[in-house]
N, C-alpha and C. Protein backbone atom coordinates (compact mmCIF):
# COMPACT_ATOMS: atom_id res chain seq x y z
N MET A 1 37.05 5.12 66.64
CA MET A 1 36.21 4.81 67.66
C MET A 1 36.63 3.20 67.77
N GLU A 2 37.51 2.90 68.55
CA GLU A 2 37.42 1.22 69.00
C GLU A 2 35.87 0.76 69.66
N GLN A 3 35.58 -0.54 69.14
CA GLN A 3 34.25 -1.07 69.23
C GLN A 3 34.53 -1.88 70.43
N PRO A 4 33.91 -2.12 71.41
CA PRO A 4 33.57 -2.92 72.35
C PRO A 4 34.03 -4.69 71.47
N THR A 5 34.75 -5.40 72.08
CA THR A 5 34.19 -7.00 71.80
C THR A 5 33.17 -7.56 72.25
N ALA A 6 32.22 -7.98 71.06
CA ALA A 6 30.89 -8.48 71.48
C ALA A 6 31.11 -9.77 71.87
N ASP A 7 29.69 -9.85 72.56
CA ASP A 7 29.47 -11.33 73.28
C ASP A 7 28.78 -12.45 72.51
N LEU A 8 29.16 -13.58 72.21
CA LEU A 8 28.30 -14.12 71.14
C LEU A 8 27.49 -14.81 71.63
N ASP A 9 26.69 -14.78 72.95
CA ASP A 9 25.88 -14.99 73.51
C ASP A 9 24.62 -13.77 72.72
N GLN A 10 25.27 -12.50 72.91
CA GLN A 10 24.49 -11.08 72.62
C GLN A 10 24.50 -11.34 71.25
N LEU A 11 25.16 -11.40 70.76
CA LEU A 11 24.86 -11.55 68.83
C LEU A 11 23.89 -12.53 68.34
N ASN A 12 23.88 -13.86 69.21
CA ASN A 12 22.62 -14.64 68.83
C ASN A 12 21.44 -14.29 70.00
N ALA A 13 21.59 -13.53 70.48
CA ALA A 13 20.25 -12.96 71.17
C ALA A 13 19.41 -12.12 69.73
N TRP A 14 20.93 -11.15 69.09
CA TRP A 14 20.09 -10.63 68.28
C TRP A 14 19.42 -11.06 67.42
N CYS A 15 19.68 -12.17 67.30
CA CYS A 15 19.15 -12.99 65.75
C CYS A 15 17.86 -13.63 66.37
N ARG A 16 17.37 -13.74 67.82
CA ARG A 16 16.26 -14.10 68.03
C ARG A 16 15.00 -13.56 67.35
N ASN A 17 14.16 -14.49 66.94
CA ASN A 17 12.87 -14.18 65.99
C ASN A 17 12.89 -13.01 65.14
N THR A 18 13.98 -13.48 63.85
CA THR A 18 14.55 -13.64 63.19
C THR A 18 14.46 -14.11 62.16
N LEU A 19 14.57 -14.05 60.84
CA LEU A 19 14.88 -14.98 59.47
C LEU A 19 16.19 -16.14 60.06
N GLY A 20 16.97 -15.31 60.45
CA GLY A 20 18.18 -16.14 60.60
C GLY A 20 17.95 -17.44 62.07
N ALA A 21 17.07 -16.97 62.63
CA ALA A 21 16.81 -17.92 63.74
C ALA A 21 15.84 -19.12 62.87
N HIS A 22 14.68 -18.63 62.40
CA HIS A 22 14.21 -19.43 61.74
C HIS A 22 15.06 -20.50 60.72
N LEU A 23 15.85 -19.96 60.09
CA LEU A 23 16.55 -21.08 59.35
C LEU A 23 17.65 -21.49 60.09
N GLY A 24 17.79 -21.46 61.63
CA GLY A 24 18.78 -22.55 62.32
C GLY A 24 20.31 -21.38 62.24
N MET A 25 20.52 -20.08 61.83
CA MET A 25 21.94 -19.61 62.19
C MET A 25 21.98 -19.73 63.26
N GLU A 26 23.29 -19.68 63.72
CA GLU A 26 24.25 -19.33 64.68
C GLU A 26 26.03 -18.15 64.70
N ILE A 27 25.38 -17.41 65.43
CA ILE A 27 27.18 -17.07 65.29
C ILE A 27 28.02 -18.01 65.94
N ILE A 28 29.38 -18.30 65.69
CA ILE A 28 30.19 -19.15 66.52
C ILE A 28 31.79 -18.79 66.71
N GLU A 29 32.10 -16.91 66.15
CA GLU A 29 33.14 -16.37 66.21
C GLU A 29 32.90 -15.15 65.64
N VAL A 30 33.80 -14.31 66.87
CA VAL A 30 33.48 -12.69 66.32
C VAL A 30 35.07 -12.43 66.74
N GLY A 31 35.92 -11.55 65.66
CA GLY A 31 36.99 -11.05 65.84
C GLY A 31 36.97 -9.89 65.36
N ASP A 32 38.30 -9.06 64.96
CA ASP A 32 38.23 -7.67 64.73
C ASP A 32 37.74 -7.69 63.30
N LYS A 33 36.57 -7.28 62.92
CA LYS A 33 36.23 -7.08 61.02
C LYS A 33 36.19 -8.24 60.74
N LEU A 34 35.77 -9.46 61.71
CA LEU A 34 35.17 -10.58 61.43
C LEU A 34 34.29 -10.92 61.76
N LEU A 35 33.05 -12.01 61.33
CA LEU A 35 32.33 -12.54 61.57
C LEU A 35 31.91 -14.09 61.14
N VAL A 36 31.99 -14.79 61.96
CA VAL A 36 31.92 -16.39 61.27
C VAL A 36 30.59 -16.84 62.07
N GLY A 37 29.68 -17.42 61.32
CA GLY A 37 28.26 -17.97 61.43
C GLY A 37 28.32 -19.80 60.86
N ARG A 38 26.94 -20.60 61.16
CA ARG A 38 26.94 -21.84 60.83
C ARG A 38 25.29 -21.57 60.59
N MET A 39 25.22 -22.14 59.48
CA MET A 39 23.57 -22.65 59.45
C MET A 39 23.30 -24.02 58.48
N PRO A 40 22.38 -24.73 59.46
CA PRO A 40 22.51 -26.24 58.75
C PRO A 40 21.81 -26.39 57.66
N VAL A 41 21.91 -27.68 56.89
CA VAL A 41 21.19 -27.74 55.98
C VAL A 41 20.40 -28.25 55.80
N ASP A 42 18.97 -28.50 55.93
CA ASP A 42 17.77 -29.45 55.95
C ASP A 42 16.76 -28.57 55.65
N HIS A 43 15.42 -29.52 56.02
CA HIS A 43 14.13 -29.30 55.20
C HIS A 43 13.76 -27.12 55.81
N ARG A 44 14.69 -26.84 56.30
CA ARG A 44 14.31 -25.02 56.42
C ARG A 44 15.29 -24.39 55.44
N THR A 45 16.00 -25.24 54.72
CA THR A 45 17.17 -24.41 54.11
C THR A 45 16.69 -25.38 52.10
N HIS A 46 16.71 -26.07 52.37
CA HIS A 46 16.63 -26.91 50.92
C HIS A 46 15.76 -26.45 50.02
N GLN A 47 16.34 -26.57 49.21
CA GLN A 47 15.07 -26.32 47.55
C GLN A 47 14.54 -27.55 46.92
N PRO A 48 13.36 -27.04 46.45
CA PRO A 48 12.73 -28.67 46.08
C PRO A 48 13.80 -30.06 45.30
N MET A 49 14.98 -29.96 44.97
CA MET A 49 15.62 -30.75 44.55
C MET A 49 16.28 -31.64 45.93
N GLY A 50 16.39 -30.76 47.18
CA GLY A 50 17.26 -31.09 48.12
C GLY A 50 18.40 -30.94 48.35
N LEU A 51 18.86 -29.56 47.28
CA LEU A 51 20.10 -28.95 48.03
C LEU A 51 19.99 -27.95 48.81
N LEU A 52 20.65 -27.35 49.09
CA LEU A 52 20.98 -25.83 49.89
C LEU A 52 20.31 -25.07 49.01
N HIS A 53 19.49 -24.14 49.01
CA HIS A 53 18.61 -23.36 48.56
C HIS A 53 19.76 -22.00 48.59
N GLY A 54 19.64 -21.43 47.08
CA GLY A 54 20.50 -20.15 46.87
C GLY A 54 20.39 -18.80 47.94
N GLY A 55 18.98 -18.83 48.43
CA GLY A 55 18.29 -17.52 48.71
C GLY A 55 18.40 -18.20 50.60
N ALA A 56 18.73 -19.34 50.76
CA ALA A 56 19.41 -19.79 52.49
C ALA A 56 20.64 -18.92 52.42
N SER A 57 21.87 -19.01 51.27
CA SER A 57 23.18 -19.33 51.70
C SER A 57 23.04 -17.87 51.60
N VAL A 58 22.66 -16.95 50.74
CA VAL A 58 22.06 -15.21 50.18
C VAL A 58 21.56 -14.94 52.38
N ALA A 59 20.68 -15.28 52.56
CA ALA A 59 20.50 -15.10 54.06
C ALA A 59 21.22 -15.12 54.93
N LEU A 60 22.16 -16.23 54.64
CA LEU A 60 23.14 -16.42 55.84
C LEU A 60 24.39 -15.13 55.39
N ALA A 61 24.30 -14.49 54.26
CA ALA A 61 25.78 -13.80 54.04
C ALA A 61 25.23 -12.60 54.35
N GLU A 62 23.83 -12.30 54.32
CA GLU A 62 23.49 -11.13 54.43
C GLU A 62 23.50 -10.64 55.84
N THR A 63 23.30 -11.97 56.90
CA THR A 63 22.86 -11.51 58.50
C THR A 63 24.40 -11.66 59.14
N LEU A 64 25.57 -12.36 58.42
CA LEU A 64 26.90 -11.97 59.02
C LEU A 64 27.27 -10.40 58.43
N GLY A 65 27.09 -10.49 56.79
CA GLY A 65 27.61 -8.62 56.97
C GLY A 65 27.17 -7.88 57.77
N SER A 66 25.57 -8.00 57.50
CA SER A 66 24.84 -6.78 58.62
C SER A 66 25.49 -7.02 59.89
N ILE A 67 25.77 -7.83 60.64
CA ILE A 67 25.89 -8.00 61.73
C ILE A 67 27.71 -7.08 62.09
N GLY A 68 28.54 -7.91 61.61
CA GLY A 68 29.51 -7.38 61.17
C GLY A 68 29.66 -6.31 61.22
N ALA A 69 28.89 -5.42 59.84
CA ALA A 69 29.23 -4.23 59.99
C ALA A 69 28.12 -3.54 61.08
N ALA A 70 27.16 -3.97 61.87
CA ALA A 70 26.93 -3.30 63.53
C ALA A 70 28.09 -3.19 64.11
N LEU A 71 28.61 -4.37 63.97
CA LEU A 71 29.70 -4.02 65.15
C LEU A 71 31.08 -3.15 64.97
N GLN A 72 30.73 -2.48 63.77
CA GLN A 72 31.89 -1.42 63.45
C GLN A 72 31.61 0.09 64.09
N VAL A 73 30.22 0.22 64.19
CA VAL A 73 29.60 1.61 64.44
C VAL A 73 29.23 1.47 65.73
N ASP A 74 28.79 3.21 66.70
CA ASP A 74 28.45 2.89 67.34
C ASP A 74 26.56 3.05 67.25
N LEU A 75 26.36 2.23 67.88
CA LEU A 75 24.79 1.75 67.55
C LEU A 75 23.65 3.16 68.07
N ARG A 76 24.20 3.51 69.03
CA ARG A 76 23.38 4.75 69.41
C ARG A 76 23.39 5.62 68.74
N LYS A 77 24.01 6.09 67.75
CA LYS A 77 24.01 7.06 66.63
C LYS A 77 23.61 6.82 65.22
N LYS A 78 24.23 5.32 65.13
CA LYS A 78 24.55 5.18 63.68
C LYS A 78 23.57 3.25 63.19
N ALA A 79 23.07 2.87 61.77
CA ALA A 79 22.76 2.01 61.58
C ALA A 79 23.20 1.52 60.40
N CYS A 80 23.79 -0.18 60.60
CA CYS A 80 24.14 0.11 59.08
C CYS A 80 22.75 -1.19 58.17
N VAL A 81 22.93 -0.75 57.12
CA VAL A 81 21.70 -1.06 56.00
C VAL A 81 22.23 -1.86 54.64
N GLY A 82 21.65 -2.84 54.18
CA GLY A 82 22.05 -3.36 53.00
C GLY A 82 22.06 -2.55 52.09
N LEU A 83 22.69 -2.28 50.92
CA LEU A 83 22.71 -1.39 49.97
C LEU A 83 23.03 -2.27 48.56
N GLU A 84 23.66 -3.18 48.60
CA GLU A 84 23.76 -4.31 47.67
C GLU A 84 24.49 -5.29 47.90
N ILE A 85 24.00 -6.40 47.47
CA ILE A 85 24.24 -7.73 47.62
C ILE A 85 24.31 -8.65 46.05
N ASN A 86 25.58 -9.54 46.21
CA ASN A 86 25.57 -10.01 44.91
C ASN A 86 26.42 -11.76 46.03
N ALA A 87 25.84 -12.96 45.03
CA ALA A 87 26.50 -13.99 45.28
C ALA A 87 26.53 -14.90 43.88
N ASN A 88 27.23 -15.58 44.23
CA ASN A 88 27.73 -16.93 43.31
C ASN A 88 27.76 -18.21 43.88
N HIS A 89 26.78 -19.11 43.34
CA HIS A 89 26.89 -20.40 44.00
C HIS A 89 28.02 -21.63 43.18
N ILE A 90 28.51 -21.67 44.17
CA ILE A 90 29.72 -22.36 43.68
C ILE A 90 29.34 -24.55 43.75
N LYS A 91 29.11 -24.78 44.53
CA LYS A 91 28.65 -25.93 44.87
C LYS A 91 27.48 -26.70 45.59
N GLY A 92 26.97 -27.33 45.22
CA GLY A 92 25.67 -27.96 45.67
C GLY A 92 25.86 -28.63 47.10
N VAL A 93 24.84 -28.85 47.90
CA VAL A 93 25.02 -29.26 49.21
C VAL A 93 24.09 -29.89 49.54
N ARG A 94 24.09 -30.82 50.57
CA ARG A 94 22.64 -31.34 50.75
C ARG A 94 22.23 -31.82 52.14
N SER A 95 23.44 -31.69 52.97
CA SER A 95 22.97 -31.75 54.40
C SER A 95 24.19 -31.16 55.35
N GLY A 96 24.34 -31.68 56.49
CA GLY A 96 25.27 -30.99 56.98
C GLY A 96 24.77 -29.46 57.99
N TYR A 97 25.99 -28.53 57.56
CA TYR A 97 26.09 -27.48 58.03
C TYR A 97 27.05 -26.63 57.01
N VAL A 98 26.65 -25.80 56.72
CA VAL A 98 27.29 -24.75 55.86
C VAL A 98 28.05 -23.49 57.11
N VAL A 99 28.99 -22.97 57.07
CA VAL A 99 29.78 -21.71 57.35
C VAL A 99 30.28 -20.82 57.30
N GLY A 100 29.84 -19.65 57.26
CA GLY A 100 30.00 -18.36 56.69
C GLY A 100 30.59 -17.45 57.41
N ARG A 101 32.40 -17.21 56.63
CA ARG A 101 33.19 -16.47 56.93
C ARG A 101 33.35 -15.04 57.01
N ALA A 102 32.48 -13.88 57.34
CA ALA A 102 32.38 -12.67 56.59
C ALA A 102 33.58 -11.55 57.16
N THR A 103 34.05 -11.01 56.59
CA THR A 103 35.19 -10.32 56.61
C THR A 103 35.01 -8.91 55.92
N ALA A 104 35.48 -8.02 56.55
CA ALA A 104 35.88 -6.60 56.08
C ALA A 104 36.65 -5.90 55.25
N VAL A 105 35.88 -6.11 53.93
CA VAL A 105 36.95 -5.29 52.85
C VAL A 105 36.97 -4.09 52.92
N HIS A 106 36.26 -2.95 53.54
CA HIS A 106 36.38 -1.80 53.78
C HIS A 106 35.54 -0.97 54.70
N VAL A 107 36.03 -0.62 55.91
CA VAL A 107 35.33 0.28 56.39
C VAL A 107 35.31 1.53 56.51
N GLY A 108 34.04 2.73 56.11
CA GLY A 108 34.24 3.74 55.80
C GLY A 108 33.60 4.37 56.55
N ARG A 109 33.40 5.69 56.44
CA ARG A 109 32.83 6.55 57.57
C ARG A 109 31.24 6.15 56.68
N THR A 110 30.75 5.95 55.79
CA THR A 110 29.37 6.37 55.35
C THR A 110 28.99 4.94 54.30
N THR A 111 30.05 3.67 53.96
CA THR A 111 29.80 2.29 53.38
C THR A 111 30.69 1.68 54.30
N GLN A 112 30.60 0.31 54.08
CA GLN A 112 31.29 -1.14 54.54
C GLN A 112 31.11 -1.99 53.29
N VAL A 113 32.34 -2.34 53.15
CA VAL A 113 31.98 -4.10 52.29
C VAL A 113 32.40 -4.86 53.00
N TRP A 114 31.98 -6.19 52.77
CA TRP A 114 32.06 -7.62 53.45
C TRP A 114 32.08 -8.65 52.42
N GLU A 115 32.98 -9.15 52.37
CA GLU A 115 32.75 -10.23 52.23
C GLU A 115 32.47 -12.15 52.83
N ILE A 116 31.74 -12.56 52.34
CA ILE A 116 31.67 -13.83 52.84
C ILE A 116 31.12 -14.86 52.16
N ARG A 117 32.33 -15.78 52.60
CA ARG A 117 32.80 -17.03 51.97
C ARG A 117 32.30 -18.25 52.47
N ILE A 118 31.21 -18.66 51.97
CA ILE A 118 30.09 -19.70 53.03
C ILE A 118 31.07 -21.38 52.29
N THR A 119 31.69 -22.18 53.25
CA THR A 119 31.93 -23.37 52.90
C THR A 119 31.40 -24.41 53.65
N HIS A 120 31.37 -26.07 52.94
CA HIS A 120 30.72 -27.13 53.94
C HIS A 120 31.42 -27.20 55.13
N GLU A 121 30.50 -27.13 56.10
CA GLU A 121 31.53 -27.37 57.22
C GLU A 121 32.51 -29.06 57.30
N GLU A 122 31.80 -30.16 57.23
CA GLU A 122 32.61 -31.37 57.11
C GLU A 122 33.78 -31.23 55.83
N THR A 123 33.16 -30.95 54.96
CA THR A 123 34.51 -31.08 53.71
C THR A 123 35.44 -29.95 53.68
N GLY A 124 34.98 -28.57 53.81
CA GLY A 124 35.55 -27.40 53.66
C GLY A 124 35.31 -26.67 52.32
N ALA A 125 34.59 -27.44 51.36
CA ALA A 125 34.20 -27.44 49.79
C ALA A 125 33.95 -25.62 50.20
N LEU A 126 33.93 -24.67 49.06
CA LEU A 126 33.61 -23.18 48.51
C LEU A 126 32.32 -23.75 48.32
N VAL A 127 31.10 -23.30 48.51
CA VAL A 127 29.61 -23.51 48.42
C VAL A 127 29.20 -22.50 47.66
N CYS A 128 29.58 -21.21 48.10
CA CYS A 128 29.13 -19.64 48.19
C CYS A 128 29.92 -18.39 48.38
N ILE A 129 29.85 -17.66 47.23
CA ILE A 129 31.16 -16.84 48.12
C ILE A 129 30.03 -15.47 47.21
N SER A 130 30.09 -14.49 48.87
CA SER A 130 29.21 -13.57 48.73
C SER A 130 29.89 -11.95 48.90
N ARG A 131 29.40 -10.89 48.31
CA ARG A 131 29.63 -9.83 48.80
C ARG A 131 28.73 -8.61 49.02
N ILE A 132 28.55 -8.05 50.01
CA ILE A 132 27.61 -7.10 50.54
C ILE A 132 28.35 -5.59 50.84
N THR A 133 27.05 -4.54 50.53
CA THR A 133 28.02 -3.27 50.43
C THR A 133 26.82 -2.66 51.45
N MET A 134 26.90 -1.97 52.24
CA MET A 134 26.36 -1.60 53.64
C MET A 134 26.50 -0.30 53.61
N ALA A 135 25.13 -0.23 53.64
CA ALA A 135 24.89 1.91 53.71
C ALA A 135 25.06 2.00 55.43
N VAL A 136 25.96 2.81 55.99
CA VAL A 136 26.02 3.71 57.21
C VAL A 136 25.56 4.84 57.25
N ILE A 137 24.30 4.52 58.09
CA ILE A 137 23.11 6.09 58.26
C ILE A 137 23.13 6.46 59.73
N ASP A 138 22.95 7.61 59.50
CA ASP A 138 22.85 8.34 61.38
C ASP A 138 21.20 8.15 61.25
N LEU A 139 20.80 7.83 62.94
CA LEU A 139 19.90 7.95 63.57
C LEU A 139 19.31 8.74 63.62
N PRO A 140 17.93 8.77 63.68
CA PRO A 140 17.17 10.29 64.10
C PRO A 140 17.83 10.39 65.54
N PRO A 141 17.70 11.50 65.79
CA PRO A 141 17.74 11.94 67.23
C PRO A 141 16.49 11.63 68.20
N THR A 142 17.17 11.43 69.18
CA THR A 142 15.84 10.96 70.60
C THR A 142 15.73 11.94 71.17
N PRO A 143 14.00 12.04 71.10
CA PRO A 143 13.60 13.15 71.90
C PRO A 143 14.26 13.82 73.43
N ALA A 144 14.87 14.45 73.91
CA ALA A 144 15.41 14.20 75.48
C ALA A 144 14.05 14.01 75.98
N GLN A 145 14.53 13.60 77.06
CA GLN A 145 13.40 13.14 78.43
C GLN A 145 13.35 14.48 79.10
N PRO A 146 11.89 14.05 79.33
CA PRO A 146 11.63 15.39 80.60
C PRO A 146 11.77 15.56 81.53
N ALA A 147 11.81 16.39 82.07
CA ALA A 147 12.80 16.71 83.45
C ALA A 147 11.95 16.27 84.83
């Protein structure tokens, strides 16, 4: 099934009142089996030593992988939920923005696998590489509306 192209404003609206919004994440590009977002490296995303918190990187990765997966299914019938995520933290960052680029590795009927490469926006240095496996589940049927 071909999915309609998502609008960036719509995708960013999905993130309102979520962890992603609290951490300052924004979706900046959407393409075919591709989603790109960025997140500030500041007091919200630092660990005590003043570096980007690894958990913030994982939160960005999971947000991008989850939204990317959702764009591959009919959301009236299916939902995508995280099954497993891993991350390797490569380089520390103290300031600026990091950019996550999520690409689909596998889009199947019951699972999807997404790779998320997080880089420093200014230098392009690889900060973190993550992979998320998503389960594609059926939504319960909605009751018929009374006549």
